[in-house]
């Protein structure tokens, strides 16, 4: 099974974005995901990892939930 981790900046107010993305991924992939974890962070972080591999970093590109889902899909087992 596949595990997704969403690390988000608490002081920056990224909780809504992180929880919306988690819901989007759970609705899209359902039982194909073993776990979607929200991990608190700071310093502007918003990073998505699939089985430990970073697939999205807001520091490097603009956030697009559909693009993140596409990258997750490529790694779902």
C-alpha atoms as a PDB file:
ATOM      1  CA  UNK A   1       0.000   0.000   0.000  1.00  0.00           C
ATOM      2  CA  UNK A   2       0.961   3.619  -0.448  1.00  0.00           C
ATOM      3  CA  UNK A   3       1.506   6.217   2.259  1.00  0.00           C
ATOM      4  CA  UNK A   4       1.192   9.957   1.630  1.00  0.00           C
ATOM      5  CA  UNK A   5       2.607  12.553   4.013  1.00  0.00           C
ATOM      6  CA  UNK A   6       1.649  16.230   3.784  1.00  0.00           C
ATOM      7  CA  UNK A   7       3.954  18.454   5.816  1.00  0.00           C
ATOM      8  CA  UNK A   8       2.522  21.939   6.244  1.00  0.00           C
ATOM      9  CA  UNK A   9       3.469  25.206   7.960  1.00  0.00           C
ATOM     10  CA  UNK A  10       1.243  25.853  10.976  1.00  0.00           C
ATOM     11  CA  UNK A  11       2.134  29.560  11.467  1.00  0.00           C
ATOM     12  CA  UNK A  12       1.546  30.209   7.750  1.00  0.00           C
ATOM     13  CA  UNK A  13      -2.015  28.931   7.928  1.00  0.00           C
ATOM     14  CA  UNK A  14      -1.546  26.020   5.505  1.00  0.00           C
ATOM     15  CA  UNK A  15      -3.801  23.707   7.542  1.00  0.00           C
ATOM     16  CA  UNK A  16      -6.848  24.263   5.308  1.00  0.00           C
ATOM     17  CA  UNK A  17      -4.792  23.605   2.170  1.00  0.00           C
ATOM     18  CA  UNK A  18      -3.289  20.457   3.708  1.00  0.00           C
ATOM     19  CA  UNK A  19      -6.611  19.065   4.919  1.00  0.00           C
ATOM     20  CA  UNK A  20      -8.333  19.856   1.592  1.00  0.00           C
ATOM     21  CA  UNK A  21      -5.551  18.067  -0.285  1.00  0.00           C
ATOM     22  CA  UNK A  22      -5.743  15.076   2.076  1.00  0.00           C
ATOM     23  CA  UNK A  23      -9.491  14.814   1.464  1.00  0.00           C
ATOM     24  CA  UNK A  24      -8.980  15.158  -2.309  1.00  0.00           C
ATOM     25  CA  UNK A  25      -6.417  12.344  -2.309  1.00  0.00           C
ATOM     26  CA  UNK A  26      -8.537  10.077  -0.096  1.00  0.00           C
ATOM     27  CA  UNK A  27     -11.610  10.583  -2.297  1.00  0.00           C
ATOM     28  CA  UNK A  28      -9.562  10.017  -5.454  1.00  0.00           C
ATOM     29  CA  UNK A  29      -7.576   6.938  -4.399  1.00  0.00           C
ATOM     30  CA  UNK A  30      -9.795   5.504  -1.628  1.00  0.00           C
ATOM     31  CA  UNK A  31      -8.543   2.118  -0.421  1.00  0.00           C
ATOM     32  CA  UNK A  32      -5.458   2.285  -2.653  1.00  0.00           C
ATOM     33  CA  UNK A  33      -3.874   4.555  -0.037  1.00  0.00           C
ATOM     34  CA  UNK A  34      -2.807   2.999   3.219  1.00  0.00           C
ATOM     35  CA  UNK A  35      -2.498   6.334   4.990  1.00  0.00           C
ATOM     36  CA  UNK A  36      -2.560  10.089   4.431  1.00  0.00           C
ATOM     37  CA  UNK A  37      -0.759  11.839   7.287  1.00  0.00           C
ATOM     38  CA  UNK A  38      -0.728  15.535   8.121  1.00  0.00           C
ATOM     39  CA  UNK A  39       2.599  16.565   9.658  1.00  0.00           C
ATOM     40  CA  UNK A  40       3.027  19.957  11.282  1.00  0.00           C
ATOM     41  CA  UNK A  41       5.955  22.152  10.328  1.00  0.00           C
ATOM     42  CA  UNK A  42       7.066  25.765  10.079  1.00  0.00           C
ATOM     43  CA  UNK A  43       9.179  28.117   7.946  1.00  0.00           C
ATOM     44  CA  UNK A  44       6.665  28.104   5.091  1.00  0.00           C
ATOM     45  CA  UNK A  45       6.891  24.376   4.413  1.00  0.00           C
ATOM     46  CA  UNK A  46       4.280  22.624   2.288  1.00  0.00           C
ATOM     47  CA  UNK A  47       5.732  19.353   1.037  1.00  0.00           C
ATOM     48  CA  UNK A  48       4.010  16.184  -0.166  1.00  0.00           C
ATOM     49  CA  UNK A  49       5.812  12.849   0.054  1.00  0.00           C
ATOM     50  CA  UNK A  50       4.728   9.462  -1.256  1.00  0.00           C
ATOM     51  CA  UNK A  51       6.383   6.543   0.516  1.00  0.00           C
ATOM     52  CA  UNK A  52       9.085   8.952   1.697  1.00  0.00           C
ATOM     53  CA  UNK A  53       9.805  10.415  -1.749  1.00  0.00           C
ATOM     54  CA  UNK A  54       9.093  14.131  -2.204  1.00  0.00           C
ATOM     55  CA  UNK A  55       6.670  14.715  -5.079  1.00  0.00           C
ATOM     56  CA  UNK A  56       5.773  18.355  -4.398  1.00  0.00           C
ATOM     57  CA  UNK A  57       7.402  21.315  -2.647  1.00  0.00           C
ATOM     58  CA  UNK A  58       5.685  24.712  -2.617  1.00  0.00           C
ATOM     59  CA  UNK A  59       9.117  26.348  -2.380  1.00  0.00           C
ATOM     60  CA  UNK A  60       9.824  25.105  -5.916  1.00  0.00           C
ATOM     61  CA  UNK A  61       6.503  25.449  -7.724  1.00  0.00           C
ATOM     62  CA  UNK A  62       2.918  26.697  -7.557  1.00  0.00           C
ATOM     63  CA  UNK A  63       0.361  24.536  -5.749  1.00  0.00           C
ATOM     64  CA  UNK A  64      -2.068  22.648  -7.981  1.00  0.00           C
ATOM     65  CA  UNK A  65      -4.004  19.861  -6.229  1.00  0.00           C
ATOM     66  CA  UNK A  66      -4.747  18.060  -9.499  1.00  0.00           C
ATOM     67  CA  UNK A  67      -1.043  18.011 -10.398  1.00  0.00           C
ATOM     68  CA  UNK A  68      -0.181  16.694  -6.934  1.00  0.00           C
ATOM     69  CA  UNK A  69      -2.827  13.955  -7.378  1.00  0.00           C
ATOM     70  CA  UNK A  70      -1.317  13.049 -10.759  1.00  0.00           C
ATOM     71  CA  UNK A  71       2.100  12.655  -9.144  1.00  0.00           C
ATOM     72  CA  UNK A  72       0.629  10.538  -6.377  1.00  0.00           C
ATOM     73  CA  UNK A  73      -1.156   8.380  -8.988  1.00  0.00           C
ATOM     74  CA  UNK A  74       2.198   7.621 -10.642  1.00  0.00           C
ATOM     75  CA  UNK A  75       3.383   6.076  -7.367  1.00  0.00           C
ATOM     76  CA  UNK A  76       0.262   4.288  -6.130  1.00  0.00           C
ATOM     77  CA  UNK A  77       0.832   0.556  -5.965  1.00  0.00           C
END
